Amino acid sequence: MSPSEEQGSSASIFPVSVIVERQQVQHGRWTMPRWEAVGVVASENAIDTERQKTLIHSDGKSEQYLWTGFSIELFKDGGESYWYNLVARNPSLYVVCEEGDEAEITPFLVLADYAEANMHAEADDLVCSVPMPPEIYQWLERFVMNNYVPKPKKKRKRKDWMEESAYGRGSEDRPHGRR
């Protein structure tokens, strides 16, 4: 399925799936599971499908699961954040997850907006940063080119603080010895 962009809509949607990995990590004498989102892939599944978890890889040391039924939704007012993401050294997607039993994580949202991902992190949600796949990068780039116009930078006029202060130039209240 190709990404949808509805006429007159302020949003654009791209269906994706999330890859979550579980590794057994040694902590002293103990081994503990460590879960993290390791990737996002473009999905052929319909956007409205149920979220499903499927084991796709197991080698004794780690297991990878594919979570389907997600989508990335872009909004015109997020253009600046998307643009900064695109020009960053490592363009990323952000997978927001809930933590469950034995530190298992369940993804519930995929974002391209760093500011929104940061808000989730501040609210104590687990946010995993993963590399942005090329086809999603191109889709995001088209969206930004079509919907984002940078605001011109305004040069601030520097204030003369000495003129405004009580001890400014020509003031009779100036302490002795200062000019």
Protein backbone atom coordinates (compact mmCIF):
# COMPACT_ATOMS: atom_id res chain seq x y z
CA MET A 1 0.00 0.00 0.00
CA SER A 2 1.35 3.42 -0.83
CA PRO A 3 1.17 6.31 1.60
CA SER A 4 -2.12 8.15 1.47
CA GLU A 5 -2.54 11.86 1.16
CA GLU A 6 -6.15 12.96 1.14
CA GLN A 7 -7.19 15.99 -0.88
CA GLY A 8 -7.75 18.96 1.39
CA SER A 9 -6.56 17.06 4.45
CA SER A 10 -3.94 18.49 6.77
CA ALA A 11 -2.50 15.02 7.39
CA SER A 12 -0.64 12.35 5.47
CA ILE A 13 -0.44 8.70 6.57
CA PHE A 14 2.16 5.99 5.91
CA PRO A 15 1.56 2.40 7.13
CA VAL A 16 4.50 0.85 8.98
CA SER A 17 5.50 -2.11 11.12
CA VAL A 18 7.83 -2.03 14.12
CA ILE A 19 10.61 -4.51 14.91
CA VAL A 20 11.13 -5.11 18.64
CA GLU A 21 14.06 -7.13 19.94
CA ARG A 22 14.47 -9.05 23.19
CA GLN A 23 17.97 -9.96 24.35
CA GLN A 24 19.17 -11.77 27.43
CA VAL A 25 21.72 -9.49 29.13
CA GLN A 26 24.17 -10.61 31.82
CA HIS A 27 24.10 -8.51 35.04
CA GLY A 28 26.63 -10.08 37.40
CA ARG A 29 25.41 -13.62 38.00
CA TRP A 30 21.94 -12.88 36.70
CA THR A 31 20.54 -12.71 33.20
CA MET A 32 17.71 -10.34 32.49
CA PRO A 33 15.68 -9.63 29.37
CA ARG A 34 16.24 -6.29 27.67
CA TRP A 35 13.64 -5.09 25.17
CA GLU A 36 14.05 -2.31 22.64
CA ALA A 37 12.58 -1.17 19.33
CA VAL A 38 15.29 -1.69 16.71
CA GLY A 39 13.59 -0.74 13.45
CA VAL A 40 10.60 0.45 11.49
CA VAL A 41 9.76 -0.90 8.06
CA ALA A 42 7.28 0.25 5.44
CA SER A 43 4.23 -1.97 5.62
CA GLU A 44 1.97 -3.36 2.96
CA ASN A 45 -0.77 -3.89 5.51
CA ALA A 46 -3.83 -1.72 5.59
CA ILE A 47 -3.68 1.04 8.16
CA ASP A 48 -6.81 -0.11 10.00
CA THR A 49 -5.52 -3.63 10.70
CA GLU A 50 -5.33 -4.99 14.20
CA ARG A 51 -1.97 -4.79 15.89
CA GLN A 52 -0.30 -8.17 15.83
CA LYS A 53 3.00 -9.47 17.21
CA THR A 54 4.81 -12.15 15.17
CA LEU A 55 8.14 -13.81 15.97
CA ILE A 56 10.43 -13.23 12.95
CA HIS A 57 13.85 -14.25 14.29
CA SER A 58 15.25 -16.34 17.15
CA ASP A 59 18.83 -17.49 17.67
CA GLY A 60 19.01 -18.39 21.35
CA LYS A 61 20.56 -15.03 22.34
CA SER A 62 17.86 -12.77 20.99
CA GLU A 63 14.37 -12.76 19.55
CA GLN A 64 12.86 -10.25 17.15
CA TYR A 65 9.16 -9.59 16.83
CA LEU A 66 7.32 -7.75 14.06
CA TRP A 67 4.46 -5.57 15.28
CA THR A 68 2.05 -4.72 12.45
CA GLY A 69 -0.86 -2.30 12.24
CA PHE A 70 0.92 1.03 12.81
CA SER A 71 1.09 4.19 10.77
CA ILE A 72 3.02 7.42 10.80
CA GLU A 73 0.75 10.44 10.56
CA LEU A 74 2.13 13.81 9.47
CA PHE A 75 0.51 17.18 10.04
CA LYS A 76 1.22 20.48 8.31
CA ASP A 77 1.91 22.26 11.60
CA GLY A 78 4.74 19.81 12.34
CA GLY A 79 6.71 20.84 9.25
CA GLU A 80 9.55 22.53 11.11
CA SER A 81 10.17 19.51 13.35
CA TYR A 82 10.07 17.17 10.32
CA TRP A 83 12.51 19.43 8.47
CA TYR A 84 14.99 19.40 11.36
CA ASN A 85 14.67 15.61 11.50
CA LEU A 86 15.45 15.33 7.77
CA VAL A 87 18.56 17.53 7.94
CA ALA A 88 19.90 15.85 11.10
CA ARG A 89 23.03 13.71 10.91
CA ASN A 90 20.91 10.56 11.51
CA PRO A 91 17.25 11.03 10.50
CA SER A 92 15.15 8.95 12.87
CA LEU A 93 11.71 7.68 13.65
CA TYR A 94 10.53 7.48 17.24
CA VAL A 95 8.69 4.44 18.59
CA VAL A 96 6.71 5.16 21.76
CA CYS A 97 6.22 2.05 23.90
CA GLU A 98 4.50 0.88 27.05
CA GLU A 99 6.47 -1.28 29.47
CA GLY A 100 4.86 -4.49 30.68
CA ASP A 101 5.81 -7.65 32.55
CA GLU A 102 9.51 -8.57 32.73
CA ALA A 103 10.39 -5.25 31.05
CA GLU A 104 8.58 -6.34 27.85
CA ILE A 105 7.64 -3.38 25.70
CA THR A 106 4.61 -2.91 23.51
CA PRO A 107 4.82 -0.20 20.86
CA PHE A 108 1.76 2.03 20.57
CA LEU A 109 2.86 4.98 18.42
CA VAL A 110 5.38 5.74 15.65
CA LEU A 111 6.43 9.37 15.10
CA ALA A 112 8.63 11.44 12.79
CA ASP A 113 8.22 14.52 14.99
CA TYR A 114 11.08 14.93 17.48
CA ALA A 115 9.17 17.50 19.55
CA GLU A 116 6.21 15.15 20.05
CA ALA A 117 8.54 12.25 20.86
CA ASN A 118 10.25 14.44 23.43
CA MET A 119 6.87 15.23 25.04
CA HIS A 120 6.21 11.49 25.41
CA ALA A 121 9.66 10.99 26.96
CA GLU A 122 8.97 13.79 29.45
CA ALA A 123 5.71 12.03 30.36
CA ASP A 124 7.80 8.92 31.24
CA ASP A 125 6.82 6.90 28.18
CA LEU A 126 9.63 4.78 26.74
CA VAL A 127 10.73 6.33 23.43
CA CYS A 128 13.12 4.40 21.16
CA SER A 129 14.89 6.17 18.32
CA VAL A 130 15.36 4.02 15.21
CA PRO A 131 16.92 4.79 11.81
CA MET A 132 14.52 6.16 9.19
CA PRO A 133 14.11 3.81 6.19
CA PRO A 134 14.83 5.39 2.76
CA GLU A 135 11.25 5.11 1.46
CA ILE A 136 9.90 6.88 4.56
CA TYR A 137 12.63 9.52 4.28
CA GLN A 138 11.55 10.25 0.67
CA TRP A 139 7.87 10.39 1.66
CA LEU A 140 8.63 12.73 4.58
CA GLU A 141 10.83 14.89 2.35
CA ARG A 142 8.00 15.27 -0.23
CA PHE A 143 5.59 16.20 2.55
CA VAL A 144 7.95 18.84 3.94
CA MET A 145 8.67 20.29 0.47
CA ASN A 146 4.93 20.58 -0.24
CA ASN A 147 3.79 21.87 3.16
CA TYR A 148 6.55 23.70 4.98
CA VAL A 149 7.77 27.23 4.34
CA PRO A 150 10.47 28.38 6.78
CA LYS A 151 9.79 31.67 8.48
CA PRO A 152 12.37 34.33 7.67
CA LYS A 153 14.81 34.97 10.48
CA LYS A 154 14.39 38.36 12.07
CA LYS A 155 17.48 40.14 13.26
CA ARG A 156 16.89 41.54 16.68
CA LYS A 157 17.83 45.12 17.24
CA ARG A 158 20.32 45.30 20.02
CA LYS A 159 19.18 47.37 22.98
CA ASP A 160 21.46 49.97 24.50
CA TRP A 161 21.14 49.03 28.16
CA MET A 162 23.23 51.98 29.30
CA GLU A 163 20.73 54.44 27.85
CA GLU A 164 17.82 52.76 29.64
CA SER A 165 19.47 52.27 33.04
CA ALA A 166 19.36 54.71 35.93
CA TYR A 167 23.14 54.94 35.69
CA GLY A 168 23.12 55.51 31.94
CA ARG A 169 25.14 58.00 29.98
CA GLY A 170 24.65 61.54 31.12
CA SER A 171 22.81 60.52 34.28
CA GLU A 172 23.34 62.61 37.38
CA ASP A 173 22.71 59.49 39.56
CA ARG A 174 25.89 57.81 38.33
CA PRO A 175 28.18 56.61 41.19
CA HIS A 176 31.40 58.57 41.60
CA GLY A 177 34.40 57.41 39.63
CA ARG A 178 32.38 55.93 36.77
CA ARG A 179 32.16 57.50 33.37
